[in-house]
Amino acid sequence: MGFVAAAFAVIVTTGAAQATPVNLISNGEFETPGSVTDYTIFPTNGVPGWGTTGSGIELWQQGFLGSPTTGSDGLSTGQSLELNANNGSDSVFQLFTVPLNITSSSAVLSFDAWPRQAALGAVSLVGTISGTILAPSSMAMNNALWTPNVFNVTVAAGETIRLVFQALGGNSAISPHVDQVAFTVDVPEPGALGLLCAGLMGLALVRRRRRSASF
């Protein structure tokens, strides 16, 4: 019985360890729609995955009016999001749902930020189960470069989360930009469940053979 218990523990540990990070954000690099040549203000529902409290969502092409062309990952930025298209306190948001099969309650929110004209901005997260996951927090920004922002948070399986970026400038020319938005949680790898089931079946077979041999 000791061998069976030990083998079972190894299988469970192996299955639990085989997790992979999954990004829950849709269109977090703002490459859709892909028709921006300098800047474009789309309708409130014109950028897939995102909504706004303002009258439109503004996307920029890399390099427009001095915007950084290289992200914090060293890659071309493509298109980015300006947080307030027309008003100084607009916010842009996305709703997403945490999978039920997460292997850990730990999650990571990450994005790049750029202030344009010394602008300020805040980011927050609110869950339908957890409540306030991340209170409005200032975004780290550098005048010349995209600056990485990383927040480690705790979430609940199955809850819907509202991610909000808010501009704190006085007009649409003073507004932060964000890009490379991701929210990652760990879920089991596709093969992990199969491995666990196969191991359980193998253990059942071993126990059956031992019982047969004892008669």
N, C-alpha and C. Protein backbone atom coordinates (compact mmCIF):
# COMPACT_ATOMS: atom_id res chain seq x y z
N MET A 1 0.83 -1.20 0.00
CA MET A 1 0.00 0.00 0.00
C MET A 1 0.87 1.25 0.00
N GLY A 2 2.06 1.17 0.69
CA GLY A 2 2.96 2.31 0.72
C GLY A 2 3.44 2.68 -0.67
N PHE A 3 3.74 1.67 -1.49
CA PHE A 3 4.18 1.91 -2.87
C PHE A 3 3.09 2.61 -3.68
N VAL A 4 1.86 2.14 -3.53
CA VAL A 4 0.74 2.72 -4.27
C VAL A 4 0.54 4.17 -3.87
N ALA A 5 0.58 4.46 -2.57
CA ALA A 5 0.39 5.83 -2.10
C ALA A 5 1.48 6.74 -2.62
N ALA A 6 2.72 6.25 -2.60
CA ALA A 6 3.84 7.05 -3.08
C ALA A 6 3.72 7.32 -4.58
N ALA A 7 3.35 6.30 -5.32
CA ALA A 7 3.19 6.46 -6.76
C ALA A 7 2.07 7.45 -7.08
N PHE A 8 0.99 7.35 -6.33
CA PHE A 8 -0.13 8.27 -6.53
C PHE A 8 0.30 9.71 -6.27
N ALA A 9 1.09 9.92 -5.21
CA ALA A 9 1.56 11.26 -4.87
C ALA A 9 2.44 11.82 -5.98
N VAL A 10 3.28 10.98 -6.56
CA VAL A 10 4.14 11.43 -7.66
C VAL A 10 3.32 11.85 -8.85
N ILE A 11 2.30 11.08 -9.19
CA ILE A 11 1.45 11.39 -10.33
C ILE A 11 0.71 12.71 -10.12
N VAL A 12 0.12 12.88 -8.93
CA VAL A 12 -0.61 14.11 -8.65
C VAL A 12 0.31 15.32 -8.71
N THR A 13 1.51 15.18 -8.11
CA THR A 13 2.47 16.28 -8.12
C THR A 13 2.89 16.62 -9.54
N THR A 14 3.14 15.59 -10.35
CA THR A 14 3.54 15.82 -11.74
C THR A 14 2.45 16.52 -12.51
N GLY A 15 1.19 16.06 -12.32
CA GLY A 15 0.08 16.67 -13.03
C GLY A 15 -0.11 18.12 -12.65
N ALA A 16 0.02 18.41 -11.33
CA ALA A 16 -0.19 19.78 -10.86
C ALA A 16 0.90 20.70 -11.35
N ALA A 17 2.13 20.16 -11.50
CA ALA A 17 3.26 21.00 -11.91
C ALA A 17 3.21 21.36 -13.38
N GLN A 18 2.49 20.60 -14.16
CA GLN A 18 2.44 20.84 -15.60
C GLN A 18 1.35 21.85 -15.92
N ALA A 19 1.67 23.11 -15.68
CA ALA A 19 0.73 24.20 -15.95
C ALA A 19 1.36 25.14 -16.97
N THR A 20 0.52 25.85 -17.68
CA THR A 20 1.01 26.78 -18.68
C THR A 20 0.30 28.12 -18.52
N PRO A 21 1.01 29.24 -18.67
CA PRO A 21 0.36 30.55 -18.55
C PRO A 21 -0.51 30.86 -19.76
N VAL A 22 -1.68 31.38 -19.50
CA VAL A 22 -2.62 31.74 -20.57
C VAL A 22 -2.98 33.22 -20.42
N ASN A 23 -2.90 33.95 -21.54
CA ASN A 23 -3.25 35.37 -21.55
C ASN A 23 -4.75 35.52 -21.80
N LEU A 24 -5.45 36.22 -20.90
CA LEU A 24 -6.89 36.36 -20.99
C LEU A 24 -7.33 37.64 -21.72
N ILE A 25 -6.38 38.49 -22.09
CA ILE A 25 -6.71 39.76 -22.74
C ILE A 25 -6.88 39.58 -24.24
N SER A 26 -7.94 40.15 -24.77
CA SER A 26 -8.18 40.14 -26.21
C SER A 26 -7.65 41.41 -26.85
N ASN A 27 -6.90 41.28 -27.94
CA ASN A 27 -6.39 42.43 -28.69
C ASN A 27 -5.57 43.36 -27.80
N GLY A 28 -4.70 42.77 -26.99
CA GLY A 28 -3.90 43.55 -26.05
C GLY A 28 -2.77 44.33 -26.68
N GLU A 29 -2.49 44.08 -27.95
CA GLU A 29 -1.46 44.85 -28.66
C GLU A 29 -2.09 45.87 -29.61
N PHE A 30 -3.40 45.91 -29.63
CA PHE A 30 -4.17 46.91 -30.39
C PHE A 30 -3.84 46.90 -31.89
N GLU A 31 -3.62 45.71 -32.41
CA GLU A 31 -3.30 45.59 -33.84
C GLU A 31 -4.56 45.45 -34.70
N THR A 32 -5.71 45.35 -34.06
CA THR A 32 -6.98 45.26 -34.78
C THR A 32 -7.91 46.37 -34.31
N PRO A 33 -8.46 47.18 -35.24
CA PRO A 33 -8.26 47.17 -36.69
C PRO A 33 -6.83 47.60 -37.07
N GLY A 34 -6.37 47.11 -38.18
CA GLY A 34 -4.99 47.37 -38.58
C GLY A 34 -4.83 48.43 -39.64
N SER A 35 -5.72 49.41 -39.66
CA SER A 35 -5.74 50.40 -40.74
C SER A 35 -5.16 51.75 -40.35
N VAL A 36 -4.45 51.83 -39.21
CA VAL A 36 -3.97 53.11 -38.72
C VAL A 36 -2.64 53.47 -39.38
N THR A 37 -2.56 54.67 -39.97
CA THR A 37 -1.31 55.14 -40.58
C THR A 37 -0.65 56.25 -39.75
N ASP A 38 -1.41 57.03 -39.01
CA ASP A 38 -0.87 58.00 -38.06
C ASP A 38 -1.66 57.87 -36.76
N TYR A 39 -2.90 58.38 -36.74
CA TYR A 39 -3.80 58.09 -35.63
C TYR A 39 -5.23 58.03 -36.16
N THR A 40 -6.05 57.25 -35.50
CA THR A 40 -7.45 57.12 -35.89
C THR A 40 -8.30 57.01 -34.63
N ILE A 41 -9.40 57.77 -34.58
CA ILE A 41 -10.37 57.64 -33.49
C ILE A 41 -11.53 56.77 -34.00
N PHE A 42 -11.63 55.57 -33.44
CA PHE A 42 -12.66 54.63 -33.83
C PHE A 42 -13.91 54.84 -32.97
N PRO A 43 -15.06 54.36 -33.43
CA PRO A 43 -16.27 54.41 -32.59
C PRO A 43 -16.06 53.65 -31.29
N THR A 44 -16.94 53.86 -30.33
CA THR A 44 -16.78 53.24 -29.01
C THR A 44 -16.69 51.72 -29.07
N ASN A 45 -17.29 51.13 -30.10
CA ASN A 45 -17.23 49.67 -30.25
C ASN A 45 -16.34 49.27 -31.43
N GLY A 46 -15.45 50.17 -31.83
CA GLY A 46 -14.67 49.92 -33.04
C GLY A 46 -13.36 49.20 -32.86
N VAL A 47 -12.94 48.95 -31.62
CA VAL A 47 -11.69 48.24 -31.35
C VAL A 47 -12.04 46.96 -30.61
N PRO A 48 -11.93 45.81 -31.26
CA PRO A 48 -12.36 44.54 -30.66
C PRO A 48 -11.74 44.31 -29.27
N GLY A 49 -12.60 43.89 -28.34
CA GLY A 49 -12.17 43.58 -26.99
C GLY A 49 -12.25 44.73 -26.01
N TRP A 50 -12.34 45.97 -26.52
CA TRP A 50 -12.23 47.14 -25.66
C TRP A 50 -13.46 48.03 -25.71
N GLY A 51 -13.78 48.65 -24.58
CA GLY A 51 -14.83 49.65 -24.50
C GLY A 51 -14.26 50.92 -23.91
N THR A 52 -15.05 51.98 -23.90
CA THR A 52 -14.59 53.26 -23.38
C THR A 52 -15.75 54.04 -22.76
N THR A 53 -15.41 54.92 -21.82
CA THR A 53 -16.40 55.82 -21.25
C THR A 53 -16.53 57.08 -22.09
N GLY A 54 -15.66 57.24 -23.06
CA GLY A 54 -15.68 58.42 -23.92
C GLY A 54 -16.47 58.20 -25.19
N SER A 55 -16.21 59.07 -26.17
CA SER A 55 -16.96 59.02 -27.43
C SER A 55 -16.22 58.29 -28.54
N GLY A 56 -15.05 57.73 -28.22
CA GLY A 56 -14.30 56.99 -29.22
C GLY A 56 -13.05 56.39 -28.61
N ILE A 57 -12.38 55.50 -29.37
CA ILE A 57 -11.13 54.88 -28.93
C ILE A 57 -10.06 55.24 -29.95
N GLU A 58 -8.95 55.81 -29.46
CA GLU A 58 -7.92 56.34 -30.35
C GLU A 58 -6.70 55.43 -30.39
N LEU A 59 -6.33 55.00 -31.60
CA LEU A 59 -5.14 54.19 -31.81
C LEU A 59 -4.10 54.99 -32.59
N TRP A 60 -2.83 54.79 -32.25
CA TRP A 60 -1.72 55.44 -32.94
C TRP A 60 -0.85 54.39 -33.64
N GLN A 61 -0.24 54.81 -34.72
CA GLN A 61 0.79 54.00 -35.37
C GLN A 61 2.13 54.33 -34.74
N GLN A 62 3.02 53.34 -34.68
CA GLN A 62 4.33 53.54 -34.07
C GLN A 62 5.07 54.72 -34.72
N GLY A 63 5.71 55.51 -33.89
CA GLY A 63 6.51 56.62 -34.38
C GLY A 63 5.75 57.91 -34.61
N PHE A 64 4.41 57.86 -34.58
CA PHE A 64 3.63 59.08 -34.84
C PHE A 64 3.86 60.10 -33.73
N LEU A 65 4.21 61.32 -34.11
CA LEU A 65 4.47 62.42 -33.18
C LEU A 65 5.45 62.03 -32.07
N GLY A 66 6.47 61.27 -32.45
CA GLY A 66 7.52 60.93 -31.50
C GLY A 66 7.23 59.78 -30.58
N SER A 67 6.15 59.06 -30.80
CA SER A 67 5.88 57.89 -29.94
C SER A 67 6.96 56.84 -30.15
N PRO A 68 7.38 56.15 -29.08
CA PRO A 68 8.47 55.17 -29.18
C PRO A 68 8.13 54.05 -30.15
N THR A 69 9.08 53.67 -30.97
CA THR A 69 8.83 52.63 -31.97
C THR A 69 9.23 51.23 -31.49
N THR A 70 9.86 51.16 -30.33
CA THR A 70 10.30 49.87 -29.80
C THR A 70 9.72 49.67 -28.41
N GLY A 71 9.05 48.54 -28.20
CA GLY A 71 8.46 48.25 -26.90
C GLY A 71 9.50 47.83 -25.88
N SER A 72 9.07 47.61 -24.65
CA SER A 72 10.00 47.20 -23.59
C SER A 72 10.60 45.83 -23.87
N ASP A 73 9.96 45.06 -24.77
CA ASP A 73 10.48 43.75 -25.15
C ASP A 73 11.48 43.83 -26.30
N GLY A 74 11.76 45.06 -26.78
CA GLY A 74 12.72 45.23 -27.87
C GLY A 74 12.14 45.04 -29.25
N LEU A 75 10.83 44.79 -29.34
CA LEU A 75 10.19 44.54 -30.63
C LEU A 75 9.41 45.76 -31.08
N SER A 76 9.13 45.81 -32.38
CA SER A 76 8.34 46.90 -32.94
C SER A 76 6.98 46.97 -32.27
N THR A 77 6.52 48.20 -31.96
CA THR A 77 5.29 48.35 -31.20
C THR A 77 4.03 48.25 -32.04
N GLY A 78 4.13 48.49 -33.37
CA GLY A 78 2.93 48.47 -34.19
C GLY A 78 1.99 49.59 -33.79
N GLN A 79 0.78 49.25 -33.37
CA GLN A 79 -0.20 50.24 -32.94
C GLN A 79 -0.32 50.26 -31.42
N SER A 80 -0.68 51.42 -30.88
CA SER A 80 -0.86 51.56 -29.44
C SER A 80 -2.15 52.32 -29.16
N LEU A 81 -2.55 52.32 -27.91
CA LEU A 81 -3.80 52.96 -27.49
C LEU A 81 -3.53 54.25 -26.73
N GLU A 82 -4.17 55.35 -27.15
CA GLU A 82 -4.18 56.57 -26.33
C GLU A 82 -5.45 56.52 -25.47
N LEU A 83 -5.27 56.77 -24.17
CA LEU A 83 -6.37 56.50 -23.24
C LEU A 83 -7.55 57.45 -23.37
N ASN A 84 -7.31 58.71 -23.71
CA ASN A 84 -8.47 59.60 -23.87
C ASN A 84 -8.49 60.16 -25.29
N ALA A 85 -9.48 59.77 -26.02
CA ALA A 85 -9.59 60.21 -27.41
C ALA A 85 -9.99 61.68 -27.49
N ASN A 86 -10.92 62.12 -26.63
CA ASN A 86 -11.45 63.49 -26.72
C ASN A 86 -11.49 64.23 -25.39
N ASN A 87 -11.56 63.50 -24.28
CA ASN A 87 -11.71 64.14 -22.98
C ASN A 87 -10.59 63.74 -22.03
N GLY A 88 -10.27 64.64 -21.11
CA GLY A 88 -9.11 64.41 -20.26
C GLY A 88 -9.24 63.29 -19.27
N SER A 89 -10.44 62.87 -18.90
CA SER A 89 -10.60 61.83 -17.88
C SER A 89 -11.27 60.57 -18.42
N ASP A 90 -11.20 60.36 -19.72
CA ASP A 90 -11.77 59.14 -20.30
C ASP A 90 -11.06 57.91 -19.76
N SER A 91 -11.74 56.79 -19.78
CA SER A 91 -11.12 55.51 -19.44
C SER A 91 -11.45 54.49 -20.52
N VAL A 92 -10.58 53.50 -20.64
CA VAL A 92 -10.76 52.40 -21.58
C VAL A 92 -10.74 51.11 -20.77
N PHE A 93 -11.60 50.17 -21.10
CA PHE A 93 -11.74 48.98 -20.26
C PHE A 93 -11.95 47.72 -21.08
N GLN A 94 -11.74 46.59 -20.41
CA GLN A 94 -12.04 45.28 -21.00
C GLN A 94 -12.54 44.35 -19.90
N LEU A 95 -13.55 43.54 -20.23
CA LEU A 95 -14.06 42.50 -19.34
C LEU A 95 -13.55 41.15 -19.82
N PHE A 96 -13.13 40.31 -18.87
CA PHE A 96 -12.71 38.95 -19.22
C PHE A 96 -13.00 38.04 -18.04
N THR A 97 -13.05 36.74 -18.31
CA THR A 97 -13.42 35.76 -17.29
C THR A 97 -12.27 34.82 -17.00
N VAL A 98 -12.01 34.60 -15.72
CA VAL A 98 -10.96 33.68 -15.29
C VAL A 98 -11.46 32.24 -15.47
N PRO A 99 -10.67 31.36 -16.09
CA PRO A 99 -11.10 29.96 -16.25
C PRO A 99 -11.35 29.27 -14.91
N LEU A 100 -12.22 28.29 -14.92
CA LEU A 100 -12.51 27.54 -13.70
C LEU A 100 -11.37 26.61 -13.31
N ASN A 101 -10.54 26.23 -14.28
CA ASN A 101 -9.50 25.22 -14.02
C ASN A 101 -8.13 25.82 -13.74
N ILE A 102 -8.05 27.06 -13.23
CA ILE A 102 -6.74 27.62 -12.92
C ILE A 102 -6.06 26.77 -11.85
N THR A 103 -4.74 26.66 -11.95
CA THR A 103 -3.98 25.84 -11.00
C THR A 103 -3.46 26.67 -9.83
N SER A 104 -3.62 27.99 -9.91
CA SER A 104 -3.19 28.88 -8.84
C SER A 104 -4.03 30.14 -8.88
N SER A 105 -4.24 30.75 -7.73
CA SER A 105 -4.99 32.01 -7.69
C SER A 105 -4.12 33.21 -8.04
N SER A 106 -2.84 33.00 -8.22
CA SER A 106 -1.93 34.08 -8.58
C SER A 106 -2.06 34.42 -10.06
N ALA A 107 -2.06 35.71 -10.37
CA ALA A 107 -2.15 36.18 -11.75
C ALA A 107 -1.23 37.38 -11.92
N VAL A 108 -0.93 37.70 -13.18
CA VAL A 108 -0.02 38.82 -13.47
C VAL A 108 -0.65 39.71 -14.53
N LEU A 109 -0.77 41.00 -14.21
CA LEU A 109 -1.16 42.02 -15.17
C LEU A 109 0.10 42.74 -15.62
N SER A 110 0.29 42.84 -16.94
CA SER A 110 1.47 43.53 -17.45
C SER A 110 1.10 44.36 -18.67
N PHE A 111 1.79 45.48 -18.85
CA PHE A 111 1.59 46.33 -20.01
C PHE A 111 2.72 47.34 -20.10
N ASP A 112 2.89 47.92 -21.29
CA ASP A 112 3.82 49.03 -21.49
C ASP A 112 3.05 50.34 -21.43
N ALA A 113 3.70 51.39 -20.91
CA ALA A 113 3.06 52.71 -20.84
C ALA A 113 4.02 53.79 -21.29
N TRP A 114 3.46 54.85 -21.91
CA TRP A 114 4.22 56.01 -22.37
C TRP A 114 3.36 57.25 -22.14
N PRO A 115 3.92 58.37 -21.60
CA PRO A 115 3.08 59.48 -21.17
C PRO A 115 2.72 60.49 -22.25
N ARG A 116 3.35 60.46 -23.39
CA ARG A 116 3.18 61.46 -24.43
C ARG A 116 3.64 62.84 -23.98
N GLN A 117 2.87 63.58 -23.19
CA GLN A 117 3.26 64.92 -22.73
C GLN A 117 3.19 64.98 -21.20
N ALA A 118 4.04 64.19 -20.57
CA ALA A 118 4.10 64.15 -19.10
C ALA A 118 2.73 63.89 -18.48
N ALA A 119 1.94 63.06 -19.14
CA ALA A 119 0.60 62.76 -18.64
C ALA A 119 0.66 61.76 -17.49
N LEU A 120 -0.45 61.65 -16.79
CA LEU A 120 -0.60 60.68 -15.71
C LEU A 120 -1.75 59.74 -16.03
N GLY A 121 -1.67 58.54 -15.51
CA GLY A 121 -2.74 57.58 -15.72
C GLY A 121 -2.78 56.57 -14.60
N ALA A 122 -3.91 55.87 -14.50
CA ALA A 122 -4.09 54.87 -13.45
C ALA A 122 -4.68 53.60 -14.05
N VAL A 123 -4.45 52.48 -13.38
CA VAL A 123 -4.98 51.19 -13.80
C VAL A 123 -5.64 50.53 -12.60
N SER A 124 -6.74 49.80 -12.84
CA SER A 124 -7.43 49.12 -11.75
C SER A 124 -8.05 47.83 -12.24
N LEU A 125 -8.35 46.93 -11.29
CA LEU A 125 -8.98 45.64 -11.58
C LEU A 125 -10.07 45.39 -10.53
N VAL A 126 -11.27 45.02 -10.98
CA VAL A 126 -12.35 44.67 -10.07
C VAL A 126 -12.98 43.36 -10.53
N GLY A 127 -13.14 42.40 -9.61
CA GLY A 127 -13.70 41.11 -9.94
C GLY A 127 -15.09 40.91 -9.38
N THR A 128 -15.86 40.06 -10.01
CA THR A 128 -17.22 39.80 -9.55
C THR A 128 -17.25 38.96 -8.27
N ILE A 129 -16.16 38.28 -7.95
CA ILE A 129 -16.05 37.50 -6.72
C ILE A 129 -15.08 38.17 -5.74
N SER A 130 -13.95 38.58 -6.23
CA SER A 130 -12.89 39.13 -5.38
C SER A 130 -13.13 40.57 -4.96
N GLY A 131 -13.99 41.28 -5.69
CA GLY A 131 -14.14 42.71 -5.42
C GLY A 131 -12.96 43.46 -6.00
N THR A 132 -12.42 44.41 -5.25
CA THR A 132 -11.28 45.19 -5.74
C THR A 132 -10.01 44.35 -5.70
N ILE A 133 -9.54 43.99 -6.86
CA ILE A 133 -8.33 43.19 -6.97
C ILE A 133 -7.10 44.10 -7.00
N LEU A 134 -7.21 45.19 -7.73
CA LEU A 134 -6.15 46.19 -7.80
C LEU A 134 -6.81 47.56 -7.72
N ALA A 135 -6.57 48.28 -6.61
CA ALA A 135 -7.11 49.62 -6.48
C ALA A 135 -6.44 50.53 -7.50
N PRO A 136 -7.09 51.63 -7.90
CA PRO A 136 -6.47 52.50 -8.90
C PRO A 136 -5.02 52.81 -8.55
N SER A 137 -4.12 52.39 -9.42
CA SER A 137 -2.69 52.51 -9.17
C SER A 137 -2.03 53.30 -10.29
N SER A 138 -1.09 54.15 -9.92
CA SER A 138 -0.39 54.97 -10.90
C SER A 138 0.43 54.10 -11.84
N MET A 139 0.47 54.49 -13.11
CA MET A 139 1.26 53.78 -14.10
C MET A 139 2.67 54.36 -14.14
N ALA A 140 3.66 53.48 -14.19
CA ALA A 140 5.05 53.92 -14.33
C ALA A 140 5.29 54.29 -15.79
N MET A 141 5.90 55.47 -16.01
CA MET A 141 6.14 55.93 -17.37
C MET A 141 7.44 56.69 -17.47
N ASN A 142 8.04 56.64 -18.67
CA ASN A 142 9.26 57.36 -18.99
C ASN A 142 8.97 58.22 -20.20
N ASN A 143 9.43 59.46 -20.20
CA ASN A 143 9.09 60.39 -21.27
C ASN A 143 9.49 59.91 -22.66
N ALA A 144 10.58 59.15 -22.75
CA ALA A 144 11.10 58.80 -24.07
C ALA A 144 10.84 57.36 -24.47
N LEU A 145 10.58 56.49 -23.51
CA LEU A 145 10.52 55.06 -23.80
C LEU A 145 9.22 54.44 -23.29
N TRP A 146 8.90 53.29 -23.87
CA TRP A 146 7.84 52.46 -23.30
C TRP A 146 8.37 51.87 -22.00
N THR A 147 7.59 51.99 -20.94
CA THR A 147 8.00 51.51 -19.63
C THR A 147 7.14 50.32 -19.22
N PRO A 148 7.76 49.19 -18.86
CA PRO A 148 6.97 48.02 -18.44
C PRO A 148 6.33 48.24 -17.08
N ASN A 149 5.08 47.83 -16.95
CA ASN A 149 4.35 47.84 -15.69
C ASN A 149 3.92 46.41 -15.40
N VAL A 150 4.20 45.93 -14.19
CA VAL A 150 3.84 44.56 -13.82
C VAL A 150 3.19 44.59 -12.44
N PHE A 151 2.01 43.98 -12.34
CA PHE A 151 1.28 43.89 -11.06
C PHE A 151 0.95 42.43 -10.80
N ASN A 152 1.38 41.92 -9.65
CA ASN A 152 1.03 40.57 -9.22
C ASN A 152 -0.23 40.64 -8.36
N VAL A 153 -1.26 39.91 -8.75
CA VAL A 153 -2.55 39.98 -8.06
C VAL A 153 -3.08 38.58 -7.77
N THR A 154 -4.17 38.53 -7.01
CA THR A 154 -4.82 37.27 -6.67
C THR A 154 -6.26 37.29 -7.18
N VAL A 155 -6.67 36.21 -7.86
CA VAL A 155 -8.00 36.16 -8.45
C VAL A 155 -8.71 34.88 -8.02
N ALA A 156 -10.00 34.80 -8.33
CA ALA A 156 -10.81 33.62 -8.03
C ALA A 156 -11.21 32.93 -9.33
N ALA A 157 -11.25 31.61 -9.30
CA ALA A 157 -11.65 30.85 -10.49
C ALA A 157 -13.07 31.21 -10.90
N GLY A 158 -13.28 31.41 -12.18
CA GLY A 158 -14.61 31.64 -12.72
C GLY A 158 -15.14 33.06 -12.63
N GLU A 159 -14.41 33.97 -12.00
CA GLU A 159 -14.94 35.33 -11.88
C GLU A 159 -14.67 36.16 -13.12
N THR A 160 -15.54 37.14 -13.36
CA THR A 160 -15.36 38.11 -14.44
C THR A 160 -14.66 39.34 -13.87
N ILE A 161 -13.63 39.79 -14.58
CA ILE A 161 -12.81 40.90 -14.11
C ILE A 161 -12.93 42.08 -15.08
N ARG A 162 -12.99 43.26 -14.52
CA ARG A 162 -13.01 44.49 -15.31
C ARG A 162 -11.65 45.17 -15.15
N LEU A 163 -10.93 45.27 -16.25
CA LEU A 163 -9.65 45.98 -16.31
C LEU A 163 -9.91 47.38 -16.84
N VAL A 164 -9.44 48.40 -16.11
CA VAL A 164 -9.70 49.79 -16.50
C VAL A 164 -8.39 50.58 -16.55
N PHE A 165 -8.16 51.25 -17.67
CA PHE A 165 -7.08 52.22 -17.79
C PHE A 165 -7.73 53.61 -17.84
N GLN A 166 -7.26 54.52 -16.98
CA GLN A 166 -7.86 55.86 -16.96
C GLN A 166 -6.80 56.93 -17.14
N ALA A 167 -7.11 57.87 -18.04
CA ALA A 167 -6.25 59.04 -18.23
C ALA A 167 -6.54 60.07 -17.15
N LEU A 168 -5.50 60.74 -16.67
CA LEU A 168 -5.66 61.75 -15.64
C LEU A 168 -5.20 63.12 -16.13
N GLY A 169 -5.23 63.31 -17.44
CA GLY A 169 -4.80 64.58 -18.01
C GLY A 169 -5.95 65.55 -18.13
N GLY A 170 -5.62 66.79 -18.52
CA GLY A 170 -6.65 67.81 -18.63
C GLY A 170 -7.30 67.90 -19.99
N ASN A 171 -6.67 67.36 -21.02
CA ASN A 171 -7.26 67.37 -22.36
C ASN A 171 -6.73 66.20 -23.15
N SER A 172 -7.22 66.05 -24.38
CA SER A 172 -6.89 64.86 -25.16
C SER A 172 -5.44 64.84 -25.63
N ALA A 173 -4.76 65.99 -25.58
CA ALA A 173 -3.35 66.01 -25.98
C ALA A 173 -2.43 65.55 -24.86
N ILE A 174 -2.95 65.55 -23.63
CA ILE A 174 -2.16 65.11 -22.48
C ILE A 174 -2.74 63.79 -22.02
N SER A 175 -2.21 62.72 -22.56
CA SER A 175 -2.81 61.42 -22.27
C SER A 175 -1.77 60.32 -22.36
N PRO A 176 -1.81 59.37 -21.43
CA PRO A 176 -0.91 58.22 -21.51
C PRO A 176 -1.31 57.29 -22.66
N HIS A 177 -0.35 56.51 -23.11
CA HIS A 177 -0.58 55.44 -24.07
C HIS A 177 -0.23 54.12 -23.41
N VAL A 178 -0.92 53.05 -23.81
CA VAL A 178 -0.58 51.71 -23.34
C VAL A 178 -0.48 50.76 -24.53
N ASP A 179 0.27 49.69 -24.33
CA ASP A 179 0.46 48.67 -25.36
C ASP A 179 0.89 47.38 -24.67
N GLN A 180 0.89 46.28 -25.42
CA GLN A 180 1.34 44.98 -24.93
C GLN A 180 0.63 44.57 -23.64
N VAL A 181 -0.69 44.75 -23.60
CA VAL A 181 -1.45 44.44 -22.38
C VAL A 181 -1.67 42.93 -22.28
N ALA A 182 -1.38 42.36 -21.11
CA ALA A 182 -1.59 40.93 -20.89
C ALA A 182 -2.03 40.69 -19.45
N PHE A 183 -2.88 39.69 -19.28
CA PHE A 183 -3.28 39.24 -17.94
C PHE A 183 -3.19 37.72 -17.96
N THR A 184 -2.22 37.17 -17.26
CA THR A 184 -1.94 35.74 -17.37
C THR A 184 -2.28 34.99 -16.09
N VAL A 185 -2.86 33.81 -16.28
CA VAL A 185 -3.11 32.86 -15.20
C VAL A 185 -2.59 31.50 -15.65
N ASP A 186 -2.36 30.63 -14.69
CA ASP A 186 -1.87 29.28 -15.01
C ASP A 186 -3.03 28.30 -15.08
N VAL A 187 -3.05 27.51 -16.15
CA VAL A 187 -4.03 26.44 -16.31
C VAL A 187 -3.28 25.15 -16.64
N PRO A 188 -3.90 23.99 -16.43
CA PRO A 188 -3.21 22.73 -16.72
C PRO A 188 -2.88 22.61 -18.20
N GLU A 189 -1.71 22.06 -18.47
CA GLU A 189 -1.38 21.74 -19.86
C GLU A 189 -2.32 20.65 -20.35
N PRO A 190 -2.61 20.64 -21.66
CA PRO A 190 -3.55 19.64 -22.19
C PRO A 190 -3.18 18.21 -21.84
N GLY A 191 -1.89 17.91 -21.75
CA GLY A 191 -1.48 16.54 -21.48
C GLY A 191 -1.47 16.18 -20.01
N ALA A 192 -1.59 17.17 -19.12
CA ALA A 192 -1.47 16.90 -17.69
C ALA A 192 -2.62 16.03 -17.18
N LEU A 193 -3.85 16.34 -17.60
CA LEU A 193 -5.00 15.56 -17.16
C LEU A 193 -4.93 14.15 -17.70
N GLY A 194 -4.49 14.03 -18.94
CA GLY A 194 -4.35 12.69 -19.51
C GLY A 194 -3.31 11.88 -18.78
N LEU A 195 -2.21 12.52 -18.38
CA LEU A 195 -1.17 11.83 -17.64
C LEU A 195 -1.70 11.35 -16.29
N LEU A 196 -2.48 12.21 -15.64
CA LEU A 196 -3.03 11.83 -14.34
C LEU A 196 -3.98 10.64 -14.48
N CYS A 197 -4.84 10.69 -15.49
CA CYS A 197 -5.80 9.59 -15.70
C CYS A 197 -5.07 8.29 -16.02
N ALA A 198 -4.06 8.39 -16.87
CA ALA A 198 -3.29 7.19 -17.22
C ALA A 198 -2.61 6.60 -15.99
N GLY A 199 -2.08 7.49 -15.14
CA GLY A 199 -1.43 7.02 -13.93
C GLY A 199 -2.40 6.34 -12.99
N LEU A 200 -3.59 6.91 -12.86
CA LEU A 200 -4.60 6.30 -11.99
C LEU A 200 -5.03 4.93 -12.51
N MET A 201 -5.17 4.84 -13.83
CA MET A 201 -5.53 3.55 -14.41
C MET A 201 -4.44 2.52 -14.17
N GLY A 202 -3.18 2.97 -14.28
CA GLY A 202 -2.07 2.06 -14.04
C GLY A 202 -2.03 1.58 -12.61
N LEU A 203 -2.29 2.48 -11.68
CA LEU A 203 -2.30 2.09 -10.27
C LEU A 203 -3.43 1.11 -9.98
N ALA A 204 -4.59 1.34 -10.61
CA ALA A 204 -5.72 0.42 -10.41
C ALA A 204 -5.37 -0.97 -10.91
N LEU A 205 -4.66 -1.01 -12.04
CA LEU A 205 -4.27 -2.31 -12.61
C LEU A 205 -3.29 -3.03 -11.69
N VAL A 206 -2.33 -2.27 -11.11
CA VAL A 206 -1.36 -2.88 -10.20
C VAL A 206 -2.07 -3.47 -8.99
N ARG A 207 -3.00 -2.70 -8.43
CA ARG A 207 -3.72 -3.18 -7.25
C ARG A 207 -4.55 -4.42 -7.57
N ARG A 208 -5.16 -4.46 -8.76
CA ARG A 208 -5.98 -5.60 -9.16
C ARG A 208 -5.13 -6.85 -9.29
N ARG A 209 -3.92 -6.66 -9.89
CA ARG A 209 -3.03 -7.83 -10.07
C ARG A 209 -2.55 -8.35 -8.73
N ARG A 210 -2.28 -7.42 -7.79
CA ARG A 210 -1.82 -7.86 -6.46
C ARG A 210 -2.90 -8.64 -5.73
N ARG A 211 -4.15 -8.18 -5.88
CA ARG A 211 -5.24 -8.91 -5.24
C ARG A 211 -5.42 -10.30 -5.84
N SER A 212 -5.27 -10.38 -7.16
CA SER A 212 -5.41 -11.69 -7.83
C SER A 212 -4.31 -12.63 -7.39
N ALA A 213 -3.11 -12.09 -7.22
CA ALA A 213 -1.95 -12.94 -6.85
C ALA A 213 -2.07 -13.44 -5.42
N SER A 214 -2.84 -12.74 -4.60
CA SER A 214 -2.94 -13.13 -3.17
C SER A 214 -3.90 -14.28 -2.96
N PHE A 215 -4.69 -14.65 -4.00
CA PHE A 215 -5.65 -15.76 -3.85
C PHE A 215 -5.05 -17.05 -4.37
